[in-house]
Amino acid sequence: MARRNTKINVLRFLDTLSQDDDGKPSTIGLLYRMPTTEERQQYLDGRQVRNDTTGKLEDRTVETRIASGKTILMGIEDGSFEDEDASGNVTPVSSDKQSPHFREDWKDFVEEFGSDLLILLAIRIFEGSALPAKRTAKNNQKPSDSKEDVDQD
């Protein structure tokens, strides 16, 4: 029987707009899972959609990135997001059902106030393998520059 790695991963971003008590940028942690093959295909297919009326292709990259990032988002690290009520009281937002700060709509909250992070998550996970390989300092060559990869006929 085939098995898929269901490990939950964490991607942390430096939040340069806010600082912790020490004056350092705080971090925002997103817990995510790897997408299925079907989700990867939906991501690729959803980035450009043909308009039924005009027949022209419409760029839906931003909407697709947000929706796909939200799909693979499994949680947020405690302290990553806060909400302020009408009277100015600030409370943390949690995705952990055991937390006293758990919000049932935490994914919608992240979409509304952190859509840029969902876009970055989607780029990292869905498009990460499409980025050019980086040269390593050790051998100063791309992985495809290896002599074993070259056909010697």
N, C-alpha and C. Protein backbone atom coordinates (compact mmCIF):
# COMPACT_ATOMS: atom_id res chain seq x y z
N MET A 1 0.84 -1.18 0.00
CA MET A 1 0.00 0.00 0.00
C MET A 1 0.89 1.25 0.00
N ALA A 2 0.58 2.17 -0.86
CA ALA A 2 1.35 3.42 -0.95
C ALA A 2 0.98 4.34 0.20
N ARG A 3 1.97 5.03 0.73
CA ARG A 3 1.73 5.98 1.81
C ARG A 3 2.28 7.33 1.42
N ARG A 4 1.64 8.33 1.92
CA ARG A 4 2.08 9.70 1.67
C ARG A 4 2.55 10.31 2.97
N ASN A 5 3.61 11.06 2.89
CA ASN A 5 4.12 11.74 4.07
C ASN A 5 3.10 12.79 4.50
N THR A 6 2.55 12.63 5.68
CA THR A 6 1.54 13.57 6.18
C THR A 6 2.12 14.50 7.24
N LYS A 7 3.42 14.62 7.24
CA LYS A 7 4.10 15.46 8.21
C LYS A 7 3.65 16.91 8.07
N ILE A 8 3.48 17.56 9.20
CA ILE A 8 3.16 18.98 9.22
C ILE A 8 4.47 19.75 9.26
N ASN A 9 4.66 20.67 8.34
CA ASN A 9 5.87 21.48 8.25
C ASN A 9 5.59 22.88 8.77
N VAL A 10 6.64 23.61 9.09
CA VAL A 10 6.50 24.99 9.56
C VAL A 10 7.33 25.90 8.66
N LEU A 11 6.73 26.96 8.20
CA LEU A 11 7.43 27.99 7.45
C LEU A 11 7.31 29.28 8.25
N ARG A 12 8.46 29.87 8.60
CA ARG A 12 8.46 31.09 9.42
C ARG A 12 8.90 32.28 8.58
N PHE A 13 8.22 33.39 8.80
CA PHE A 13 8.53 34.64 8.13
C PHE A 13 8.93 35.66 9.18
N LEU A 14 9.92 36.49 8.86
CA LEU A 14 10.24 37.63 9.72
C LEU A 14 9.21 38.71 9.45
N ASP A 15 8.59 39.18 10.49
CA ASP A 15 7.61 40.26 10.37
C ASP A 15 8.33 41.56 10.70
N THR A 16 8.80 42.23 9.68
CA THR A 16 9.58 43.45 9.89
C THR A 16 8.71 44.64 10.28
N LEU A 17 7.39 44.48 10.21
CA LEU A 17 6.50 45.58 10.57
C LEU A 17 6.21 45.63 12.06
N SER A 18 6.47 44.55 12.76
CA SER A 18 6.26 44.56 14.21
C SER A 18 7.49 44.00 14.91
N GLN A 19 7.63 44.34 16.16
CA GLN A 19 8.80 43.92 16.91
C GLN A 19 8.38 43.25 18.21
N ASP A 20 9.23 42.35 18.68
CA ASP A 20 8.96 41.74 19.98
C ASP A 20 9.47 42.67 21.08
N ASP A 21 9.43 42.21 22.31
CA ASP A 21 9.82 43.05 23.44
C ASP A 21 11.28 43.46 23.41
N ASP A 22 12.14 42.70 22.72
CA ASP A 22 13.56 43.01 22.63
C ASP A 22 13.89 43.95 21.48
N GLY A 23 12.89 44.36 20.70
CA GLY A 23 13.13 45.24 19.57
C GLY A 23 13.52 44.50 18.31
N LYS A 24 13.49 43.18 18.32
CA LYS A 24 13.81 42.38 17.14
C LYS A 24 12.52 42.11 16.36
N PRO A 25 12.65 41.90 15.05
CA PRO A 25 11.44 41.57 14.28
C PRO A 25 10.83 40.27 14.81
N SER A 26 9.52 40.24 14.92
CA SER A 26 8.85 39.03 15.37
C SER A 26 8.72 38.06 14.19
N THR A 27 8.37 36.83 14.50
CA THR A 27 8.20 35.84 13.44
C THR A 27 6.75 35.40 13.36
N ILE A 28 6.35 35.01 12.17
CA ILE A 28 5.02 34.47 11.94
C ILE A 28 5.23 33.05 11.44
N GLY A 29 4.62 32.10 12.12
CA GLY A 29 4.79 30.70 11.75
C GLY A 29 3.52 30.11 11.17
N LEU A 30 3.65 29.55 9.96
CA LEU A 30 2.53 28.88 9.31
C LEU A 30 2.82 27.39 9.28
N LEU A 31 1.89 26.59 9.75
CA LEU A 31 2.01 25.15 9.70
C LEU A 31 1.27 24.68 8.45
N TYR A 32 1.92 23.88 7.63
CA TYR A 32 1.31 23.46 6.38
C TYR A 32 1.63 22.00 6.09
N ARG A 33 0.87 21.44 5.18
CA ARG A 33 1.14 20.10 4.69
C ARG A 33 1.52 20.19 3.22
N MET A 34 2.14 19.15 2.73
CA MET A 34 2.48 19.13 1.31
C MET A 34 1.20 18.87 0.50
N PRO A 35 1.06 19.51 -0.64
CA PRO A 35 -0.14 19.33 -1.46
C PRO A 35 -0.17 17.96 -2.15
N THR A 36 -1.36 17.52 -2.44
CA THR A 36 -1.52 16.29 -3.20
C THR A 36 -1.22 16.57 -4.68
N THR A 37 -1.10 15.54 -5.47
CA THR A 37 -0.89 15.72 -6.90
C THR A 37 -2.06 16.46 -7.53
N GLU A 38 -3.26 16.12 -7.11
CA GLU A 38 -4.46 16.79 -7.63
C GLU A 38 -4.45 18.28 -7.28
N GLU A 39 -4.04 18.62 -6.07
CA GLU A 39 -3.97 20.02 -5.67
C GLU A 39 -2.91 20.77 -6.46
N ARG A 40 -1.80 20.11 -6.74
CA ARG A 40 -0.77 20.74 -7.58
C ARG A 40 -1.31 21.01 -8.98
N GLN A 41 -2.05 20.06 -9.54
CA GLN A 41 -2.62 20.24 -10.87
C GLN A 41 -3.66 21.36 -10.88
N GLN A 42 -4.50 21.42 -9.84
CA GLN A 42 -5.49 22.49 -9.74
C GLN A 42 -4.80 23.85 -9.65
N TYR A 43 -3.68 23.89 -8.94
CA TYR A 43 -2.92 25.14 -8.82
C TYR A 43 -2.44 25.60 -10.20
N LEU A 44 -1.85 24.68 -10.94
CA LEU A 44 -1.34 25.03 -12.27
C LEU A 44 -2.47 25.42 -13.21
N ASP A 45 -3.56 24.66 -13.18
CA ASP A 45 -4.69 24.95 -14.08
C ASP A 45 -5.42 26.23 -13.71
N GLY A 46 -5.43 26.59 -12.43
CA GLY A 46 -6.19 27.76 -11.99
C GLY A 46 -5.52 29.09 -12.20
N ARG A 47 -4.23 29.07 -12.53
CA ARG A 47 -3.51 30.34 -12.66
C ARG A 47 -3.95 31.14 -13.89
N GLN A 48 -4.36 30.45 -14.93
CA GLN A 48 -4.89 31.13 -16.11
C GLN A 48 -6.17 30.42 -16.52
N VAL A 49 -7.24 31.21 -16.65
CA VAL A 49 -8.55 30.65 -16.98
C VAL A 49 -9.07 31.37 -18.23
N ARG A 50 -9.64 30.61 -19.13
CA ARG A 50 -10.20 31.21 -20.35
C ARG A 50 -11.59 31.77 -20.05
N ASN A 51 -11.80 33.03 -20.40
CA ASN A 51 -13.09 33.68 -20.24
C ASN A 51 -14.06 33.12 -21.27
N ASP A 52 -15.21 32.60 -20.81
CA ASP A 52 -16.18 31.99 -21.72
C ASP A 52 -16.76 32.98 -22.72
N THR A 53 -16.87 34.24 -22.31
CA THR A 53 -17.48 35.25 -23.18
C THR A 53 -16.50 35.75 -24.24
N THR A 54 -15.31 36.16 -23.80
CA THR A 54 -14.35 36.75 -24.73
C THR A 54 -13.39 35.74 -25.34
N GLY A 55 -13.22 34.61 -24.68
CA GLY A 55 -12.27 33.61 -25.17
C GLY A 55 -10.83 33.92 -24.81
N LYS A 56 -10.62 35.04 -24.11
CA LYS A 56 -9.26 35.42 -23.73
C LYS A 56 -8.86 34.76 -22.41
N LEU A 57 -7.56 34.57 -22.23
CA LEU A 57 -7.05 34.04 -20.98
C LEU A 57 -7.02 35.15 -19.94
N GLU A 58 -7.46 34.82 -18.73
CA GLU A 58 -7.42 35.76 -17.62
C GLU A 58 -6.41 35.26 -16.60
N ASP A 59 -5.60 36.18 -16.14
CA ASP A 59 -4.60 35.84 -15.12
C ASP A 59 -5.27 35.78 -13.76
N ARG A 60 -5.27 34.60 -13.14
CA ARG A 60 -5.88 34.41 -11.82
C ARG A 60 -4.82 33.93 -10.83
N THR A 61 -3.57 34.34 -11.07
CA THR A 61 -2.45 33.87 -10.26
C THR A 61 -2.61 34.22 -8.79
N VAL A 62 -2.94 35.47 -8.49
CA VAL A 62 -3.04 35.90 -7.09
C VAL A 62 -4.15 35.13 -6.37
N GLU A 63 -5.33 35.04 -6.98
CA GLU A 63 -6.45 34.34 -6.36
C GLU A 63 -6.12 32.87 -6.15
N THR A 64 -5.46 32.26 -7.14
CA THR A 64 -5.09 30.84 -7.03
C THR A 64 -4.06 30.62 -5.95
N ARG A 65 -3.10 31.52 -5.84
CA ARG A 65 -2.08 31.38 -4.79
C ARG A 65 -2.71 31.49 -3.40
N ILE A 66 -3.62 32.44 -3.21
CA ILE A 66 -4.27 32.59 -1.91
C ILE A 66 -5.10 31.34 -1.58
N ALA A 67 -5.91 30.88 -2.53
CA ALA A 67 -6.77 29.72 -2.29
C ALA A 67 -5.93 28.46 -2.03
N SER A 68 -4.87 28.27 -2.78
CA SER A 68 -4.04 27.08 -2.62
C SER A 68 -3.24 27.13 -1.33
N GLY A 69 -2.74 28.31 -0.98
CA GLY A 69 -2.05 28.46 0.29
C GLY A 69 -2.97 28.16 1.45
N LYS A 70 -4.21 28.61 1.36
CA LYS A 70 -5.20 28.37 2.41
C LYS A 70 -5.54 26.87 2.49
N THR A 71 -5.55 26.20 1.36
CA THR A 71 -5.87 24.77 1.33
C THR A 71 -4.84 23.94 2.09
N ILE A 72 -3.56 24.26 1.92
CA ILE A 72 -2.52 23.45 2.58
C ILE A 72 -2.17 23.96 3.97
N LEU A 73 -2.72 25.11 4.35
CA LEU A 73 -2.47 25.67 5.68
C LEU A 73 -3.16 24.80 6.73
N MET A 74 -2.38 24.31 7.69
CA MET A 74 -2.92 23.43 8.72
C MET A 74 -3.01 24.11 10.08
N GLY A 75 -2.34 25.23 10.25
CA GLY A 75 -2.39 25.92 11.53
C GLY A 75 -1.44 27.11 11.53
N ILE A 76 -1.48 27.86 12.62
CA ILE A 76 -0.57 28.98 12.82
C ILE A 76 0.08 28.82 14.18
N GLU A 77 1.32 29.24 14.27
CA GLU A 77 1.99 29.19 15.56
C GLU A 77 1.37 30.22 16.49
N ASP A 78 1.25 29.85 17.76
CA ASP A 78 0.71 30.79 18.73
C ASP A 78 1.55 32.07 18.76
N GLY A 79 0.88 33.18 18.81
CA GLY A 79 1.56 34.47 18.84
C GLY A 79 1.81 35.07 17.47
N SER A 80 1.46 34.35 16.40
CA SER A 80 1.69 34.87 15.06
C SER A 80 0.68 35.94 14.67
N PHE A 81 -0.55 35.81 15.15
CA PHE A 81 -1.61 36.77 14.81
C PHE A 81 -2.33 37.19 16.08
N GLU A 82 -2.81 38.43 16.06
CA GLU A 82 -3.61 38.96 17.16
C GLU A 82 -4.81 39.68 16.57
N ASP A 83 -5.86 39.78 17.36
CA ASP A 83 -7.07 40.47 16.93
C ASP A 83 -7.44 41.52 17.97
N GLU A 84 -7.90 42.65 17.48
CA GLU A 84 -8.30 43.75 18.37
C GLU A 84 -9.80 43.94 18.26
N ASP A 85 -10.48 43.91 19.41
CA ASP A 85 -11.93 44.10 19.38
C ASP A 85 -12.28 45.59 19.38
N ALA A 86 -13.56 45.89 19.37
CA ALA A 86 -14.03 47.28 19.26
C ALA A 86 -13.56 48.15 20.42
N SER A 87 -13.36 47.57 21.60
CA SER A 87 -12.92 48.36 22.75
C SER A 87 -11.40 48.45 22.86
N GLY A 88 -10.69 47.91 21.88
CA GLY A 88 -9.23 48.03 21.87
C GLY A 88 -8.49 46.91 22.57
N ASN A 89 -9.19 45.89 23.04
CA ASN A 89 -8.54 44.75 23.68
C ASN A 89 -7.93 43.84 22.62
N VAL A 90 -6.66 43.50 22.82
CA VAL A 90 -5.94 42.65 21.87
C VAL A 90 -5.87 41.24 22.43
N THR A 91 -6.27 40.26 21.60
CA THR A 91 -6.20 38.86 22.00
C THR A 91 -5.50 38.07 20.91
N PRO A 92 -4.69 37.08 21.29
CA PRO A 92 -4.04 36.24 20.29
C PRO A 92 -5.07 35.40 19.54
N VAL A 93 -4.72 35.03 18.32
CA VAL A 93 -5.55 34.15 17.52
C VAL A 93 -4.83 32.80 17.46
N SER A 94 -5.56 31.73 17.73
CA SER A 94 -4.96 30.41 17.73
C SER A 94 -5.75 29.45 16.84
N SER A 95 -5.03 28.53 16.22
CA SER A 95 -5.67 27.48 15.43
C SER A 95 -5.76 26.18 16.22
N ASP A 96 -5.20 26.19 17.43
CA ASP A 96 -5.18 25.01 18.30
C ASP A 96 -6.49 24.92 19.07
N LYS A 97 -7.24 23.85 18.85
CA LYS A 97 -8.55 23.70 19.51
C LYS A 97 -8.44 23.64 21.03
N GLN A 98 -7.27 23.30 21.55
CA GLN A 98 -7.08 23.22 23.00
C GLN A 98 -6.77 24.59 23.62
N SER A 99 -6.46 25.56 22.79
CA SER A 99 -6.08 26.89 23.28
C SER A 99 -7.32 27.70 23.70
N PRO A 100 -7.19 28.50 24.75
CA PRO A 100 -8.31 29.38 25.12
C PRO A 100 -8.54 30.48 24.08
N HIS A 101 -7.58 30.69 23.18
CA HIS A 101 -7.69 31.73 22.15
C HIS A 101 -8.07 31.16 20.79
N PHE A 102 -8.53 29.90 20.78
CA PHE A 102 -8.92 29.25 19.52
C PHE A 102 -10.05 30.01 18.85
N ARG A 103 -9.90 30.20 17.53
CA ARG A 103 -10.96 30.81 16.71
C ARG A 103 -11.37 29.80 15.67
N GLU A 104 -12.64 29.56 15.58
CA GLU A 104 -13.16 28.61 14.60
C GLU A 104 -12.84 29.09 13.17
N ASP A 105 -12.82 30.40 12.98
CA ASP A 105 -12.59 30.97 11.64
C ASP A 105 -11.14 31.42 11.43
N TRP A 106 -10.18 30.74 12.06
CA TRP A 106 -8.80 31.19 12.00
C TRP A 106 -8.25 31.22 10.56
N LYS A 107 -8.69 30.29 9.71
CA LYS A 107 -8.21 30.29 8.32
C LYS A 107 -8.72 31.52 7.57
N ASP A 108 -9.97 31.86 7.79
CA ASP A 108 -10.53 33.06 7.16
C ASP A 108 -9.84 34.31 7.68
N PHE A 109 -9.51 34.31 8.98
CA PHE A 109 -8.79 35.43 9.58
C PHE A 109 -7.42 35.60 8.91
N VAL A 110 -6.70 34.49 8.71
CA VAL A 110 -5.39 34.55 8.05
C VAL A 110 -5.55 35.03 6.61
N GLU A 111 -6.59 34.57 5.94
CA GLU A 111 -6.82 35.00 4.56
C GLU A 111 -7.07 36.52 4.50
N GLU A 112 -7.84 37.03 5.45
CA GLU A 112 -8.17 38.46 5.44
C GLU A 112 -6.98 39.33 5.82
N PHE A 113 -6.24 38.93 6.85
CA PHE A 113 -5.18 39.79 7.37
C PHE A 113 -3.76 39.32 7.03
N GLY A 114 -3.64 38.17 6.39
CA GLY A 114 -2.31 37.66 6.03
C GLY A 114 -2.29 37.01 4.67
N SER A 115 -3.07 37.55 3.73
CA SER A 115 -3.12 36.95 2.40
C SER A 115 -1.74 36.97 1.72
N ASP A 116 -0.92 37.98 2.06
CA ASP A 116 0.43 38.03 1.50
C ASP A 116 1.24 36.81 1.94
N LEU A 117 1.00 36.34 3.16
CA LEU A 117 1.71 35.16 3.65
C LEU A 117 1.21 33.89 2.96
N LEU A 118 -0.08 33.84 2.65
CA LEU A 118 -0.61 32.69 1.92
C LEU A 118 -0.03 32.66 0.50
N ILE A 119 0.14 33.83 -0.10
CA ILE A 119 0.76 33.90 -1.42
C ILE A 119 2.20 33.39 -1.36
N LEU A 120 2.95 33.85 -0.37
CA LEU A 120 4.34 33.40 -0.22
C LEU A 120 4.42 31.90 0.06
N LEU A 121 3.51 31.39 0.86
CA LEU A 121 3.47 29.96 1.14
C LEU A 121 3.23 29.18 -0.15
N ALA A 122 2.26 29.62 -0.94
CA ALA A 122 1.95 28.93 -2.20
C ALA A 122 3.13 28.98 -3.16
N ILE A 123 3.78 30.12 -3.27
CA ILE A 123 4.95 30.23 -4.15
C ILE A 123 6.03 29.25 -3.69
N ARG A 124 6.28 29.24 -2.40
CA ARG A 124 7.33 28.38 -1.84
C ARG A 124 7.05 26.90 -2.08
N ILE A 125 5.81 26.48 -1.87
CA ILE A 125 5.47 25.06 -1.94
C ILE A 125 5.11 24.61 -3.35
N PHE A 126 4.29 25.37 -4.06
CA PHE A 126 3.83 24.94 -5.38
C PHE A 126 4.82 25.28 -6.49
N GLU A 127 5.59 26.34 -6.32
CA GLU A 127 6.51 26.77 -7.37
C GLU A 127 7.97 26.61 -6.98
N GLY A 128 8.25 26.21 -5.76
CA GLY A 128 9.62 26.12 -5.27
C GLY A 128 10.52 25.27 -6.13
N SER A 129 10.02 24.15 -6.63
CA SER A 129 10.86 23.28 -7.45
C SER A 129 11.08 23.85 -8.84
N ALA A 130 10.31 24.88 -9.20
CA ALA A 130 10.47 25.50 -10.52
C ALA A 130 11.52 26.61 -10.50
N LEU A 131 12.01 26.96 -9.30
CA LEU A 131 13.01 28.01 -9.21
C LEU A 131 14.36 27.49 -9.67
N PRO A 132 15.20 28.33 -10.24
CA PRO A 132 16.51 27.87 -10.70
C PRO A 132 17.36 27.37 -9.53
N ALA A 133 18.17 26.37 -9.82
CA ALA A 133 19.04 25.82 -8.79
C ALA A 133 20.09 26.85 -8.39
N LYS A 134 20.44 26.86 -7.12
CA LYS A 134 21.47 27.76 -6.63
C LYS A 134 22.82 27.06 -6.68
N ARG A 135 23.82 27.81 -7.00
CA ARG A 135 25.16 27.24 -6.96
C ARG A 135 25.58 27.10 -5.51
N THR A 136 26.26 26.04 -5.22
CA THR A 136 26.73 25.85 -3.86
C THR A 136 28.14 26.38 -3.73
N ALA A 137 28.48 26.87 -2.57
CA ALA A 137 29.83 27.40 -2.33
C ALA A 137 30.85 26.28 -2.38
N LYS A 138 30.42 25.08 -2.02
CA LYS A 138 31.34 23.95 -1.95
C LYS A 138 31.91 23.59 -3.33
N ASN A 139 31.03 23.48 -4.33
CA ASN A 139 31.51 23.06 -5.65
C ASN A 139 31.29 24.08 -6.75
N ASN A 140 30.63 25.20 -6.43
CA ASN A 140 30.38 26.29 -7.37
C ASN A 140 29.81 25.80 -8.69
N GLN A 141 28.94 24.81 -8.63
CA GLN A 141 28.27 24.37 -9.83
C GLN A 141 26.84 23.99 -9.52
N LYS A 142 25.99 24.16 -10.53
CA LYS A 142 24.61 23.76 -10.37
C LYS A 142 24.54 22.24 -10.36
N PRO A 143 23.51 21.66 -9.74
CA PRO A 143 23.39 20.21 -9.73
C PRO A 143 23.40 19.62 -11.14
N SER A 144 22.84 20.31 -12.13
CA SER A 144 22.80 19.77 -13.49
C SER A 144 24.15 19.85 -14.19
N ASP A 145 25.13 20.55 -13.60
CA ASP A 145 26.47 20.63 -14.18
C ASP A 145 27.31 19.39 -13.89
N SER A 146 26.77 18.47 -13.13
CA SER A 146 27.51 17.28 -12.75
C SER A 146 27.83 16.44 -13.97
N LYS A 147 29.02 15.87 -14.03
CA LYS A 147 29.44 15.07 -15.17
C LYS A 147 28.60 13.81 -15.32
N GLU A 148 28.04 13.28 -14.24
CA GLU A 148 27.22 12.09 -14.32
C GLU A 148 25.92 12.36 -15.05
N ASP A 149 25.46 13.63 -15.07
CA ASP A 149 24.19 13.97 -15.72
C ASP A 149 24.35 14.20 -17.22
N VAL A 150 25.55 14.28 -17.72
CA VAL A 150 25.78 14.59 -19.13
C VAL A 150 25.82 13.30 -19.93
N ASP A 151 25.04 13.28 -21.02
CA ASP A 151 25.02 12.12 -21.90
C ASP A 151 26.32 12.12 -22.71
N GLN A 152 27.05 11.04 -22.67
CA GLN A 152 28.38 10.98 -23.28
C GLN A 152 28.39 10.28 -24.64
N ASP A 153 27.27 10.23 -25.39
CA ASP A 153 27.35 9.50 -26.66
C ASP A 153 28.19 10.18 -27.63
